[in-house]
């Protein structure tokens, strides 16, 4: 009896999934969709990193890595997003964005970073990496041939990492560091909840436009802050299964970790155009 109920439940899910195979826009299948491409972005990058804090002591200001260390203010990166519609009106959304930047330049001012100070005149290598994968469950309150509108709830995994290194000109907590290279890394690596809105509008046969908005929050001690992402996009399907698209993405991060001993605070944002290839089934 239990086995028959199991097969009945599985059969029901498959039938429901088969019935969910809607088409949008026009005759384009809408059960599974994956878009992969690139983004060229312009950045702001301000990082505060302190170690061995004295309780109640001063926090100090952040370092603008682009102005001070010559970290590139723009670069290209990888981006992907998509969804799977297992049941009518229910979608599993997913996405990923990554950027990497690096530079080497002589400093004109002292930089306190972690428990060390990189002094003026030192040749410092700087790098910055950002990754933002996410997955969520979306329900479309509106779903017809003309437009879709849904709300989503899920999670993101925000990874921000800034690194400074030098072989000379560094003062550590015990005085000048001589005869060895020094590397200090500020890193935030935290899963955070996500709330989102997704809207799409049919503009013509196999042509659509839409808007994705995600708000990501980190309210659990010792983490605080948020990430805000907005992305308008337009898509043209060359055939039922292949399309091309363009979008403009703006993402703003303010994430902090403060456990009373170590403080890492990223004020980081980027914006720019995206182009991508889409496959859909």
Protein backbone atom coordinates (compact mmCIF):
# COMPACT_ATOMS: atom_id res chain seq x y z
CA UNK A 1 0.00 0.00 0.00
CA UNK A 2 2.77 2.41 0.92
CA UNK A 3 4.62 1.62 -2.31
CA UNK A 4 1.52 2.28 -4.42
CA UNK A 5 0.98 5.60 -2.67
CA UNK A 6 4.60 6.54 -3.37
CA UNK A 7 4.26 5.79 -7.10
CA UNK A 8 0.96 7.66 -7.18
CA UNK A 9 2.61 10.71 -5.62
CA UNK A 10 5.54 10.55 -8.06
CA UNK A 11 3.14 10.19 -10.98
CA UNK A 12 1.18 13.20 -9.77
CA UNK A 13 4.36 15.32 -9.61
CA UNK A 14 5.39 14.32 -13.11
CA UNK A 15 1.93 15.07 -14.46
CA UNK A 16 1.91 18.43 -12.69
CA UNK A 17 5.36 19.25 -14.06
CA UNK A 18 4.25 18.25 -17.55
CA UNK A 19 1.23 20.52 -17.21
CA UNK A 20 3.51 23.37 -16.14
CA UNK A 21 5.21 23.52 -19.51
CA UNK A 22 3.98 26.98 -20.39
CA UNK A 23 5.26 29.12 -23.23
CA UNK A 24 6.56 32.66 -22.86
CA UNK A 25 7.02 34.86 -24.79
CA UNK A 26 4.98 33.55 -27.68
CA UNK A 27 5.79 29.93 -28.50
CA UNK A 28 9.09 29.84 -26.52
CA UNK A 29 9.11 26.95 -23.99
CA UNK A 30 9.33 28.08 -20.38
CA UNK A 31 10.10 25.01 -18.25
CA UNK A 32 13.87 25.44 -17.97
CA UNK A 33 15.93 28.51 -18.92
CA UNK A 34 19.65 29.25 -18.60
CA UNK A 35 21.40 32.50 -19.58
CA UNK A 36 25.21 32.69 -19.60
CA UNK A 37 27.32 35.69 -20.56
CA UNK A 38 29.51 38.53 -19.42
CA UNK A 39 29.22 41.91 -17.76
CA UNK A 40 31.44 44.98 -17.94
CA UNK A 41 31.22 46.88 -14.67
CA UNK A 42 32.42 50.06 -12.96
CA UNK A 43 33.17 49.78 -9.23
CA UNK A 44 33.44 51.59 -5.94
CA UNK A 45 35.54 49.72 -3.36
CA UNK A 46 35.90 50.91 0.22
CA UNK A 47 37.21 48.46 2.82
CA UNK A 48 37.76 48.80 6.58
CA UNK A 49 39.87 46.00 8.07
CA UNK A 50 41.14 46.01 11.66
CA UNK A 51 42.49 43.23 13.86
CA UNK A 52 43.19 42.98 17.59
CA UNK A 53 40.73 45.75 18.38
CA UNK A 54 40.68 47.30 21.83
CA UNK A 55 37.12 47.19 23.25
CA UNK A 56 35.64 50.67 22.97
CA UNK A 57 38.60 51.88 20.92
CA UNK A 58 38.40 53.92 17.71
CA UNK A 59 37.33 52.15 14.54
CA UNK A 60 38.81 54.50 11.94
CA UNK A 61 37.81 55.06 8.35
CA UNK A 62 37.83 52.77 5.34
CA UNK A 63 40.37 52.62 2.51
CA UNK A 64 39.33 53.45 -1.04
CA UNK A 65 41.36 50.72 -2.74
CA UNK A 66 40.83 52.13 -6.22
CA UNK A 67 42.26 55.56 -5.43
CA UNK A 68 44.95 54.50 -2.97
CA UNK A 69 46.28 51.22 -4.40
CA UNK A 70 45.37 51.63 -8.07
CA UNK A 71 42.89 48.78 -8.10
CA UNK A 72 41.13 48.95 -11.51
CA UNK A 73 37.88 50.89 -11.39
CA UNK A 74 36.33 48.79 -14.17
CA UNK A 75 36.66 45.29 -15.60
CA UNK A 76 34.72 42.44 -17.16
CA UNK A 77 33.25 39.50 -15.29
CA UNK A 78 31.21 36.31 -15.61
CA UNK A 79 27.48 36.15 -15.05
CA UNK A 80 24.76 33.51 -15.29
CA UNK A 81 21.16 33.13 -14.22
CA UNK A 82 18.22 30.87 -14.95
CA UNK A 83 15.25 29.02 -13.58
CA UNK A 84 13.35 25.74 -13.54
CA UNK A 85 9.55 25.56 -13.41
CA UNK A 86 8.69 22.23 -11.71
CA UNK A 87 5.03 23.18 -11.10
CA UNK A 88 2.64 25.69 -12.56
CA UNK A 89 3.45 29.18 -11.17
CA UNK A 90 6.34 27.84 -9.06
CA UNK A 91 9.93 28.50 -10.16
CA UNK A 92 13.36 27.72 -8.77
CA UNK A 93 15.60 30.68 -9.67
CA UNK A 94 19.40 30.62 -9.55
CA UNK A 95 22.24 32.92 -10.52
CA UNK A 96 25.93 33.68 -10.17
CA UNK A 97 28.17 36.72 -10.73
CA UNK A 98 31.95 36.95 -10.29
CA UNK A 99 34.60 39.66 -10.71
CA UNK A 100 38.36 39.65 -10.10
CA UNK A 101 40.64 42.70 -10.13
CA UNK A 102 44.31 43.21 -9.26
CA UNK A 103 47.04 45.85 -9.44
CA UNK A 104 50.55 46.68 -8.21
CA UNK A 105 51.53 50.26 -7.39
CA UNK A 106 53.73 52.31 -5.08
CA UNK A 107 51.82 53.94 -2.26
CA UNK A 108 51.77 57.71 -1.70
CA UNK A 109 50.23 57.43 1.80
CA UNK A 110 50.32 54.97 4.70
CA UNK A 111 47.55 52.33 4.69
CA UNK A 112 46.45 50.64 7.94
CA UNK A 113 45.11 47.21 6.99
CA UNK A 114 44.48 44.47 9.53
CA UNK A 115 47.10 44.73 12.28
CA UNK A 116 49.74 46.11 9.89
CA UNK A 117 50.50 49.37 8.11
CA UNK A 118 51.69 49.50 4.52
CA UNK A 119 53.85 52.62 4.39
CA UNK A 120 54.19 55.34 1.76
CA UNK A 121 56.71 54.35 -0.92
CA UNK A 122 56.09 50.60 -0.58
CA UNK A 123 55.21 48.66 -3.73
CA UNK A 124 51.90 47.02 -2.85
CA UNK A 125 49.94 44.39 -4.78
CA UNK A 126 46.20 44.65 -4.27
CA UNK A 127 43.39 42.35 -5.37
CA UNK A 128 39.64 42.21 -4.96
CA UNK A 129 37.32 39.27 -5.61
CA UNK A 130 33.53 39.25 -5.42
CA UNK A 131 31.13 36.35 -5.89
CA UNK A 132 27.36 36.29 -5.49
CA UNK A 133 25.62 32.93 -6.09
CA UNK A 134 21.95 32.66 -5.14
CA UNK A 135 18.97 30.31 -5.32
CA UNK A 136 15.32 30.99 -4.47
CA UNK A 137 11.78 29.72 -4.81
CA UNK A 138 9.47 32.05 -6.76
CA UNK A 139 5.69 32.05 -7.05
CA UNK A 140 4.08 33.97 -9.92
CA UNK A 141 0.93 35.73 -8.75
CA UNK A 142 0.33 36.86 -12.33
CA UNK A 143 1.06 34.45 -15.18
CA UNK A 144 -0.57 34.86 -18.56
CA UNK A 145 0.41 35.30 -22.21
CA UNK A 146 1.11 39.02 -21.73
CA UNK A 147 3.10 39.24 -18.50
CA UNK A 148 4.40 37.48 -15.41
CA UNK A 149 4.86 38.85 -11.89
CA UNK A 150 6.28 36.87 -9.00
CA UNK A 151 7.74 37.11 -5.50
CA UNK A 152 10.72 35.02 -4.39
CA UNK A 153 12.27 33.85 -1.14
CA UNK A 154 15.66 32.17 -0.93
CA UNK A 155 19.28 32.64 -0.04
CA UNK A 156 22.53 34.05 -1.37
CA UNK A 157 26.14 33.36 -0.48
CA UNK A 158 28.06 36.61 -0.52
CA UNK A 159 31.84 36.34 -0.86
CA UNK A 160 33.98 39.50 -0.77
CA UNK A 161 37.75 39.32 -0.46
CA UNK A 162 40.38 42.10 -0.55
CA UNK A 163 44.11 41.37 -0.29
CA UNK A 164 47.17 43.61 0.14
CA UNK A 165 50.73 42.27 -0.03
CA UNK A 166 54.24 43.77 -0.09
CA UNK A 167 57.81 42.52 0.32
CA UNK A 168 59.04 45.66 2.10
CA UNK A 169 57.73 48.80 3.77
CA UNK A 170 55.32 47.11 6.18
CA UNK A 171 55.01 47.81 9.91
CA UNK A 172 53.46 45.00 11.94
CA UNK A 173 52.15 45.02 15.49
CA UNK A 174 55.69 44.43 16.78
CA UNK A 175 57.44 46.96 14.53
CA UNK A 176 58.87 46.98 10.97
CA UNK A 177 58.78 43.63 9.14
CA UNK A 178 62.16 42.96 7.52
CA UNK A 179 63.25 40.18 5.19
CA UNK A 180 59.87 38.66 4.43
CA UNK A 181 56.79 39.44 2.42
CA UNK A 182 53.54 40.36 4.16
CA UNK A 183 50.02 39.62 2.99
CA UNK A 184 46.80 40.70 4.71
CA UNK A 185 43.38 39.50 3.64
CA UNK A 186 39.99 41.02 4.51
CA UNK A 187 37.26 38.51 3.78
CA UNK A 188 33.52 38.12 4.25
CA UNK A 189 32.01 34.76 3.42
CA UNK A 190 28.43 34.51 4.63
CA UNK A 191 25.06 32.99 3.61
CA UNK A 192 22.24 35.53 3.79
CA UNK A 193 18.45 35.44 3.14
CA UNK A 194 17.05 36.89 -0.05
CA UNK A 195 13.73 38.51 -1.01
CA UNK A 196 12.95 39.34 -4.61
CA UNK A 197 10.51 40.53 -7.27
CA UNK A 198 10.57 39.27 -10.86
CA UNK A 199 8.47 40.79 -13.65
CA UNK A 200 8.47 39.96 -17.37
CA UNK A 201 6.43 41.45 -20.23
CA UNK A 202 5.81 40.15 -23.72
CA UNK A 203 6.69 42.80 -26.32
CA UNK A 204 6.10 40.64 -29.38
CA UNK A 205 6.43 37.11 -30.69
CA UNK A 206 9.61 35.73 -29.02
CA UNK A 207 10.50 39.17 -27.61
CA UNK A 208 10.23 40.15 -23.95
CA UNK A 209 11.52 42.59 -21.35
CA UNK A 210 11.62 42.39 -17.60
CA UNK A 211 12.92 43.54 -14.25
CA UNK A 212 14.59 41.58 -11.43
CA UNK A 213 14.98 43.14 -7.97
CA UNK A 214 16.65 41.30 -5.08
CA UNK A 215 17.20 42.50 -1.52
CA UNK A 216 19.62 40.50 0.59
CA UNK A 217 20.02 41.03 4.32
CA UNK A 218 22.51 39.80 6.95
CA UNK A 219 20.94 40.52 10.35
CA UNK A 220 22.64 37.78 12.42
CA UNK A 221 25.48 38.79 14.80
CA UNK A 222 28.37 39.26 14.18
CA UNK A 223 27.22 40.08 10.63
CA UNK A 224 25.20 43.13 9.60
CA UNK A 225 24.30 44.90 6.38
CA UNK A 226 22.59 44.25 3.09
CA UNK A 227 22.97 43.72 -0.64
CA UNK A 228 20.65 45.34 -3.18
CA UNK A 229 20.48 44.19 -6.82
CA UNK A 230 18.33 45.59 -9.64
CA UNK A 231 18.46 44.40 -13.24
CA UNK A 232 16.23 45.45 -16.17
CA UNK A 233 16.67 43.16 -19.18
CA UNK A 234 15.42 42.51 -22.73
CA UNK A 235 15.40 39.16 -24.56
CA UNK A 236 14.98 38.11 -28.19
CA UNK A 237 14.58 34.43 -29.03
CA UNK A 238 16.05 33.52 -32.40
CA UNK A 239 14.29 30.16 -32.26
CA UNK A 240 12.15 28.27 -29.76
CA UNK A 241 15.24 27.15 -27.84
CA UNK A 242 17.92 29.80 -28.38
CA UNK A 243 17.89 33.49 -27.50
CA UNK A 244 20.12 36.47 -26.90
CA UNK A 245 19.68 39.17 -24.32
CA UNK A 246 21.01 42.36 -22.81
CA UNK A 247 20.65 43.82 -19.33
CA UNK A 248 21.89 46.56 -17.05
CA UNK A 249 22.86 45.52 -13.55
CA UNK A 250 23.34 47.64 -10.43
CA UNK A 251 24.51 45.90 -7.25
CA UNK A 252 25.31 47.56 -3.93
CA UNK A 253 26.92 45.78 -0.96
CA UNK A 254 27.29 47.02 2.59
CA UNK A 255 28.33 44.05 4.67
CA UNK A 256 30.17 44.05 7.99
CA UNK A 257 31.52 41.50 10.44
CA UNK A 258 32.42 42.79 13.90
CA UNK A 259 33.10 40.31 16.70
CA UNK A 260 34.78 42.87 18.97
CA UNK A 261 38.28 41.69 18.04
CA UNK A 262 38.28 41.79 14.24
CA UNK A 263 36.33 44.21 12.07
CA UNK A 264 35.77 43.72 8.32
CA UNK A 265 33.51 46.24 6.59
CA UNK A 266 32.90 46.32 2.80
CA UNK A 267 31.15 49.22 1.10
CA UNK A 268 31.21 47.93 -2.44
CA UNK A 269 29.13 48.47 -5.55
CA UNK A 270 29.20 47.95 -9.30
CA UNK A 271 27.06 48.75 -12.32
CA UNK A 272 27.21 48.08 -16.03
CA UNK A 273 25.79 46.30 -19.08
CA UNK A 274 25.41 42.55 -19.55
CA UNK A 275 25.04 40.45 -22.69
CA UNK A 276 24.20 36.76 -22.68
CA UNK A 277 23.10 33.70 -24.61
CA UNK A 278 19.98 31.85 -23.47
CA UNK A 279 18.89 28.25 -23.92
CA UNK A 280 15.32 27.29 -22.99
CA UNK A 281 13.29 24.09 -23.01
